[in-house]
Amino acid sequence: MPVIASIKDTVLVVSLQTGLTAQGSPKISQRSLANVKSSAADQDVYDVVVALYGLQDYPLIGVRRDNRVDLTE
């Protein structure tokens, strides 16, 4: 029987540089944004994250989109 994939939800994980360690390496912090519309275009999601996190003091390091899928038979 084939497996059926049903999109459950989308979560964004945003990485920010919040400072430096004692050794001088970047200190990275992650924030999660839940309840993202799974049909939203990647470019639109990225543009919103860049606009929102551009208002903060910490530089944006990266954006990851995690699409969660339920698998059933």
PDB file of N, CA and C in Angstrom:
ATOM      1  N   MET A   1       0.836  -1.179   0.000  1.00  0.00           N
ATOM      2  CA  MET A   1       0.000   0.000   0.000  1.00  0.00           C
ATOM      3  C   MET A   1       0.891   1.256   0.000  1.00  0.00           C
ATOM      4  N   PRO A   2       0.596   2.210  -0.854  1.00  0.00           N
ATOM      5  CA  PRO A   2       1.430   3.421  -0.910  1.00  0.00           C
ATOM      6  C   PRO A   2       1.205   4.317   0.309  1.00  0.00           C
ATOM      7  N   VAL A   3       2.227   5.041   0.631  1.00  0.00           N
ATOM      8  CA  VAL A   3       2.166   5.974   1.756  1.00  0.00           C
ATOM      9  C   VAL A   3       1.586   7.294   1.263  1.00  0.00           C
ATOM     10  N   ILE A   4       0.703   7.877   2.074  1.00  0.00           N
ATOM     11  CA  ILE A   4       0.089   9.162   1.755  1.00  0.00           C
ATOM     12  C   ILE A   4       0.695  10.220   2.659  1.00  0.00           C
ATOM     13  N   ALA A   5       1.200  11.279   2.036  1.00  0.00           N
ATOM     14  CA  ALA A   5       1.803  12.385   2.786  1.00  0.00           C
ATOM     15  C   ALA A   5       0.808  13.534   2.858  1.00  0.00           C
ATOM     16  N   SER A   6       0.505  13.964   4.089  1.00  0.00           N
ATOM     17  CA  SER A   6      -0.406  15.094   4.309  1.00  0.00           C
ATOM     18  C   SER A   6       0.351  16.188   5.043  1.00  0.00           C
ATOM     19  N   ILE A   7       0.372  17.381   4.452  1.00  0.00           N
ATOM     20  CA  ILE A   7       1.078  18.484   5.094  1.00  0.00           C
ATOM     21  C   ILE A   7       0.379  18.839   6.397  1.00  0.00           C
ATOM     22  N   LYS A   8       1.160  18.854   7.473  1.00  0.00           N
ATOM     23  CA  LYS A   8       0.621  19.162   8.790  1.00  0.00           C
ATOM     24  C   LYS A   8       0.775  20.644   9.101  1.00  0.00           C
ATOM     25  N   ASP A   9       2.006  21.145   9.108  1.00  0.00           N
ATOM     26  CA  ASP A   9       2.249  22.558   9.371  1.00  0.00           C
ATOM     27  C   ASP A   9       3.655  22.923   8.942  1.00  0.00           C
ATOM     28  N   THR A  10       3.957  24.199   9.032  1.00  0.00           N
ATOM     29  CA  THR A  10       5.279  24.706   8.681  1.00  0.00           C
ATOM     30  C   THR A  10       5.802  25.535   9.841  1.00  0.00           C
ATOM     31  N   VAL A  11       7.067  25.341  10.166  1.00  0.00           N
ATOM     32  CA  VAL A  11       7.735  26.095  11.230  1.00  0.00           C
ATOM     33  C   VAL A  11       8.988  26.723  10.640  1.00  0.00           C
ATOM     34  N   LEU A  12       9.227  27.977  10.976  1.00  0.00           N
ATOM     35  CA  LEU A  12      10.455  28.640  10.564  1.00  0.00           C
ATOM     36  C   LEU A  12      11.422  28.661  11.731  1.00  0.00           C
ATOM     37  N   VAL A  13      12.676  28.401  11.460  1.00  0.00           N
ATOM     38  CA  VAL A  13      13.722  28.477  12.471  1.00  0.00           C
ATOM     39  C   VAL A  13      14.684  29.569  12.009  1.00  0.00           C
ATOM     40  N   VAL A  14      14.791  30.607  12.833  1.00  0.00           N
ATOM     41  CA  VAL A  14      15.599  31.769  12.504  1.00  0.00           C
ATOM     42  C   VAL A  14      16.843  31.767  13.383  1.00  0.00           C
ATOM     43  N   SER A  15      18.019  31.902  12.779  1.00  0.00           N
ATOM     44  CA  SER A  15      19.284  31.942  13.518  1.00  0.00           C
ATOM     45  C   SER A  15      19.794  33.378  13.567  1.00  0.00           C
ATOM     46  N   LEU A  16      20.182  33.808  14.777  1.00  0.00           N
ATOM     47  CA  LEU A  16      20.681  35.159  15.000  1.00  0.00           C
ATOM     48  C   LEU A  16      22.013  35.092  15.719  1.00  0.00           C
ATOM     49  N   GLN A  17      22.881  36.054  15.441  1.00  0.00           N
ATOM     50  CA  GLN A  17      24.130  36.152  16.198  1.00  0.00           C
ATOM     51  C   GLN A  17      23.874  37.102  17.358  1.00  0.00           C
ATOM     52  N   THR A  18      23.913  36.548  18.577  1.00  0.00           N
ATOM     53  CA  THR A  18      23.566  37.341  19.765  1.00  0.00           C
ATOM     54  C   THR A  18      24.791  37.850  20.511  1.00  0.00           C
ATOM     55  N   GLY A  19      25.974  37.640  19.966  1.00  0.00           N
ATOM     56  CA  GLY A  19      27.187  38.120  20.611  1.00  0.00           C
ATOM     57  C   GLY A  19      28.361  37.237  20.266  1.00  0.00           C
ATOM     58  N   LEU A  20      29.381  37.318  21.109  1.00  0.00           N
ATOM     59  CA  LEU A  20      30.588  36.518  20.920  1.00  0.00           C
ATOM     60  C   LEU A  20      30.894  35.728  22.187  1.00  0.00           C
ATOM     61  N   THR A  21      31.484  34.554  22.009  1.00  0.00           N
ATOM     62  CA  THR A  21      31.918  33.760  23.150  1.00  0.00           C
ATOM     63  C   THR A  21      33.212  34.347  23.690  1.00  0.00           C
ATOM     64  N   ALA A  22      33.691  33.822  24.789  1.00  0.00           N
ATOM     65  CA  ALA A  22      34.952  34.281  25.382  1.00  0.00           C
ATOM     66  C   ALA A  22      36.129  34.062  24.429  1.00  0.00           C
ATOM     67  N   GLN A  23      36.009  33.062  23.550  1.00  0.00           N
ATOM     68  CA  GLN A  23      37.073  32.776  22.585  1.00  0.00           C
ATOM     69  C   GLN A  23      36.955  33.628  21.319  1.00  0.00           C
ATOM     70  N   GLY A  24      35.899  34.422  21.213  1.00  0.00           N
ATOM     71  CA  GLY A  24      35.706  35.272  20.045  1.00  0.00           C
ATOM     72  C   GLY A  24      34.867  34.667  18.937  1.00  0.00           C
ATOM     73  N   SER A  25      34.339  33.460  19.158  1.00  0.00           N
ATOM     74  CA  SER A  25      33.463  32.829  18.174  1.00  0.00           C
ATOM     75  C   SER A  25      32.059  33.428  18.274  1.00  0.00           C
ATOM     76  N   PRO A  26      31.317  33.418  17.174  1.00  0.00           N
ATOM     77  CA  PRO A  26      29.949  33.946  17.236  1.00  0.00           C
ATOM     78  C   PRO A  26      29.049  33.080  18.112  1.00  0.00           C
ATOM     79  N   LYS A  27      28.215  33.728  18.903  1.00  0.00           N
ATOM     80  CA  LYS A  27      27.221  33.035  19.722  1.00  0.00           C
ATOM     81  C   LYS A  27      25.906  33.075  18.937  1.00  0.00           C
ATOM     82  N   ILE A  28      25.403  31.903  18.567  1.00  0.00           N
ATOM     83  CA  ILE A  28      24.216  31.795  17.723  1.00  0.00           C
ATOM     84  C   ILE A  28      23.016  31.388  18.571  1.00  0.00           C
ATOM     85  N   SER A  29      21.909  32.083  18.351  1.00  0.00           N
ATOM     86  CA  SER A  29      20.659  31.779  19.029  1.00  0.00           C
ATOM     87  C   SER A  29      19.608  31.492  17.971  1.00  0.00           C
ATOM     88  N   GLN A  30      18.699  30.569  18.278  1.00  0.00           N
ATOM     89  CA  GLN A  30      17.640  30.229  17.325  1.00  0.00           C
ATOM     90  C   GLN A  30      16.280  30.560  17.904  1.00  0.00           C
ATOM     91  N   ARG A  31      15.406  31.025  17.040  1.00  0.00           N
ATOM     92  CA  ARG A  31      14.018  31.313  17.391  1.00  0.00           C
ATOM     93  C   ARG A  31      13.121  30.561  16.410  1.00  0.00           C
ATOM     94  N   SER A  32      12.020  30.024  16.902  1.00  0.00           N
ATOM     95  CA  SER A  32      11.070  29.312  16.052  1.00  0.00           C
ATOM     96  C   SER A  32       9.800  30.131  15.887  1.00  0.00           C
ATOM     97  N   LEU A  33       9.301  30.134  14.673  1.00  0.00           N
ATOM     98  CA  LEU A  33       8.032  30.793  14.366  1.00  0.00           C
ATOM     99  C   LEU A  33       7.080  29.723  13.850  1.00  0.00           C
ATOM    100  N   ALA A  34       6.045  29.442  14.628  1.00  0.00           N
ATOM    101  CA  ALA A  34       5.085  28.394  14.270  1.00  0.00           C
ATOM    102  C   ALA A  34       3.895  28.989  13.528  1.00  0.00           C
ATOM    103  N   ASN A  35       3.024  28.128  13.076  1.00  0.00           N
ATOM    104  CA  ASN A  35       1.769  28.487  12.413  1.00  0.00           C
ATOM    105  C   ASN A  35       1.979  29.278  11.130  1.00  0.00           C
ATOM    106  N   VAL A  36       3.018  28.922  10.389  1.00  0.00           N
ATOM    107  CA  VAL A  36       3.253  29.537   9.086  1.00  0.00           C
ATOM    108  C   VAL A  36       2.399  28.797   8.072  1.00  0.00           C
ATOM    109  N   LYS A  37       1.738  29.542   7.225  1.00  0.00           N
ATOM    110  CA  LYS A  37       0.887  28.942   6.205  1.00  0.00           C
ATOM    111  C   LYS A  37       1.741  28.084   5.282  1.00  0.00           C
ATOM    112  N   SER A  38       1.413  26.792   5.161  1.00  0.00           N
ATOM    113  CA  SER A  38       2.257  25.890   4.383  1.00  0.00           C
ATOM    114  C   SER A  38       2.214  26.189   2.885  1.00  0.00           C
ATOM    115  N   SER A  39       1.195  26.892   2.425  1.00  0.00           N
ATOM    116  CA  SER A  39       1.119  27.221   1.002  1.00  0.00           C
ATOM    117  C   SER A  39       1.854  28.519   0.657  1.00  0.00           C
ATOM    118  N   ALA A  40       2.426  29.197   1.650  1.00  0.00           N
ATOM    119  CA  ALA A  40       3.143  30.447   1.405  1.00  0.00           C
ATOM    120  C   ALA A  40       4.404  30.177   0.588  1.00  0.00           C
ATOM    121  N   ALA A  41       4.682  31.061  -0.340  1.00  0.00           N
ATOM    122  CA  ALA A  41       5.861  30.917  -1.197  1.00  0.00           C
ATOM    123  C   ALA A  41       7.138  31.145  -0.384  1.00  0.00           C
ATOM    124  N   ASP A  42       8.186  30.431  -0.728  1.00  0.00           N
ATOM    125  CA  ASP A  42       9.459  30.541  -0.009  1.00  0.00           C
ATOM    126  C   ASP A  42       9.981  31.977   0.004  1.00  0.00           C
ATOM    127  N   GLN A  43       9.924  32.654  -1.139  1.00  0.00           N
ATOM    128  CA  GLN A  43      10.430  34.023  -1.222  1.00  0.00           C
ATOM    129  C   GLN A  43       9.642  34.955  -0.312  1.00  0.00           C
ATOM    130  N   ASP A  44       8.321  34.778  -0.259  1.00  0.00           N
ATOM    131  CA  ASP A  44       7.485  35.619   0.609  1.00  0.00           C
ATOM    132  C   ASP A  44       7.813  35.403   2.077  1.00  0.00           C
ATOM    133  N   VAL A  45       7.989  34.146   2.461  1.00  0.00           N
ATOM    134  CA  VAL A  45       8.326  33.813   3.845  1.00  0.00           C
ATOM    135  C   VAL A  45       9.675  34.421   4.207  1.00  0.00           C
ATOM    136  N   TYR A  46      10.641  34.283   3.331  1.00  0.00           N
ATOM    137  CA  TYR A  46      11.976  34.826   3.579  1.00  0.00           C
ATOM    138  C   TYR A  46      11.926  36.350   3.706  1.00  0.00           C
ATOM    139  N   ASP A  47      11.190  37.001   2.818  1.00  0.00           N
ATOM    140  CA  ASP A  47      11.096  38.462   2.852  1.00  0.00           C
ATOM    141  C   ASP A  47      10.479  38.959   4.152  1.00  0.00           C
ATOM    142  N   VAL A  48       9.481  38.270   4.653  1.00  0.00           N
ATOM    143  CA  VAL A  48       8.844  38.653   5.921  1.00  0.00           C
ATOM    144  C   VAL A  48       9.821  38.487   7.079  1.00  0.00           C
ATOM    145  N   VAL A  49      10.544  37.378   7.105  1.00  0.00           N
ATOM    146  CA  VAL A  49      11.521  37.145   8.176  1.00  0.00           C
ATOM    147  C   VAL A  49      12.609  38.215   8.149  1.00  0.00           C
ATOM    148  N   VAL A  50      13.121  38.537   6.983  1.00  0.00           N
ATOM    149  CA  VAL A  50      14.166  39.556   6.861  1.00  0.00           C
ATOM    150  C   VAL A  50      13.637  40.907   7.341  1.00  0.00           C
ATOM    151  N   ALA A  51      12.400  41.243   6.987  1.00  0.00           N
ATOM    152  CA  ALA A  51      11.814  42.518   7.416  1.00  0.00           C
ATOM    153  C   ALA A  51      11.612  42.550   8.930  1.00  0.00           C
ATOM    154  N   LEU A  52      11.080  41.483   9.503  1.00  0.00           N
ATOM    155  CA  LEU A  52      10.828  41.445  10.949  1.00  0.00           C
ATOM    156  C   LEU A  52      12.110  41.468  11.760  1.00  0.00           C
ATOM    157  N   TYR A  53      13.050  40.613  11.394  1.00  0.00           N
ATOM    158  CA  TYR A  53      14.272  40.514  12.179  1.00  0.00           C
ATOM    159  C   TYR A  53      15.258  41.637  11.857  1.00  0.00           C
ATOM    160  N   GLY A  54      14.995  42.388  10.806  1.00  0.00           N
ATOM    161  CA  GLY A  54      15.790  43.568  10.530  1.00  0.00           C
ATOM    162  C   GLY A  54      15.530  44.676  11.542  1.00  0.00           C
ATOM    163  N   LEU A  55      14.440  44.565  12.288  1.00  0.00           N
ATOM    164  CA  LEU A  55      14.100  45.544  13.312  1.00  0.00           C
ATOM    165  C   LEU A  55      14.835  45.288  14.627  1.00  0.00           C
ATOM    166  N   GLN A  56      15.515  44.155  14.737  1.00  0.00           N
ATOM    167  CA  GLN A  56      16.219  43.807  15.969  1.00  0.00           C
ATOM    168  C   GLN A  56      17.678  44.253  15.910  1.00  0.00           C
ATOM    169  N   ASP A  57      18.308  44.229  17.061  1.00  0.00           N
ATOM    170  CA  ASP A  57      19.716  44.605  17.154  1.00  0.00           C
ATOM    171  C   ASP A  57      20.651  43.512  16.658  1.00  0.00           C
ATOM    172  N   TYR A  58      20.207  42.263  16.688  1.00  0.00           N
ATOM    173  CA  TYR A  58      21.074  41.139  16.339  1.00  0.00           C
ATOM    174  C   TYR A  58      21.019  40.849  14.839  1.00  0.00           C
ATOM    175  N   PRO A  59      22.162  40.547  14.227  1.00  0.00           N
ATOM    176  CA  PRO A  59      22.169  40.234  12.797  1.00  0.00           C
ATOM    177  C   PRO A  59      21.565  38.852  12.516  1.00  0.00           C
ATOM    178  N   LEU A  60      20.843  38.781  11.418  1.00  0.00           N
ATOM    179  CA  LEU A  60      20.220  37.541  10.965  1.00  0.00           C
ATOM    180  C   LEU A  60      21.282  36.676  10.295  1.00  0.00           C
ATOM    181  N   ILE A  61      21.410  35.428  10.755  1.00  0.00           N
ATOM    182  CA  ILE A  61      22.409  34.512  10.211  1.00  0.00           C
ATOM    183  C   ILE A  61      21.788  33.581   9.175  1.00  0.00           C
ATOM    184  N   GLY A  62      20.585  33.069   9.454  1.00  0.00           N
ATOM    185  CA  GLY A  62      19.961  32.131   8.524  1.00  0.00           C
ATOM    186  C   GLY A  62      18.495  31.897   8.827  1.00  0.00           C
ATOM    187  N   VAL A  63      17.794  31.390   7.814  1.00  0.00           N
ATOM    188  CA  VAL A  63      16.373  31.062   7.932  1.00  0.00           C
ATOM    189  C   VAL A  63      16.183  29.646   7.409  1.00  0.00           C
ATOM    190  N   ARG A  64      15.530  28.806   8.201  1.00  0.00           N
ATOM    191  CA  ARG A  64      15.240  27.434   7.777  1.00  0.00           C
ATOM    192  C   ARG A  64      13.732  27.218   7.832  1.00  0.00           C
ATOM    193  N   ARG A  65      13.198  26.586   6.820  1.00  0.00           N
ATOM    194  CA  ARG A  65      11.774  26.271   6.771  1.00  0.00           C
ATOM    195  C   ARG A  65      11.616  24.769   6.973  1.00  0.00           C
ATOM    196  N   ASP A  66      10.898  24.390   8.021  1.00  0.00           N
ATOM    197  CA  ASP A  66      10.632  22.978   8.304  1.00  0.00           C
ATOM    198  C   ASP A  66       9.174  22.677   7.996  1.00  0.00           C
ATOM    199  N   ASN A  67       8.949  21.932   6.908  1.00  0.00           N
ATOM    200  CA  ASN A  67       7.590  21.502   6.568  1.00  0.00           C
ATOM    201  C   ASN A  67       7.358  20.150   7.227  1.00  0.00           C
ATOM    202  N   ARG A  68       6.372  20.103   8.082  1.00  0.00           N
ATOM    203  CA  ARG A  68       6.069  18.848   8.788  1.00  0.00           C
ATOM    204  C   ARG A  68       4.941  18.123   8.054  1.00  0.00           C
ATOM    205  N   VAL A  69       5.154  16.832   7.883  1.00  0.00           N
ATOM    206  CA  VAL A  69       4.239  16.031   7.075  1.00  0.00           C
ATOM    207  C   VAL A  69       3.841  14.791   7.864  1.00  0.00           C
ATOM    208  N   ASP A  70       2.544  14.467   7.864  1.00  0.00           N
ATOM    209  CA  ASP A  70       2.063  13.220   8.455  1.00  0.00           C
ATOM    210  C   ASP A  70       2.068  12.151   7.356  1.00  0.00           C
ATOM    211  N   LEU A  71       2.624  10.992   7.670  1.00  0.00           N
ATOM    212  CA  LEU A  71       2.651   9.871   6.725  1.00  0.00           C
ATOM    213  C   LEU A  71       1.699   8.787   7.208  1.00  0.00           C
ATOM    214  N   THR A  72       0.802   8.371   6.315  1.00  0.00           N
ATOM    215  CA  THR A  72      -0.158   7.305   6.647  1.00  0.00           C
ATOM    216  C   THR A  72      -0.246   6.336   5.469  1.00  0.00           C
ATOM    217  N   GLU A  73      -0.808   5.181   5.738  1.00  0.00           N
ATOM    218  CA  GLU A  73      -1.017   4.201   4.661  1.00  0.00           C
ATOM    219  C   GLU A  73      -2.376   4.382   4.055  1.00  0.00           C
TER     220      GLU A  73
END
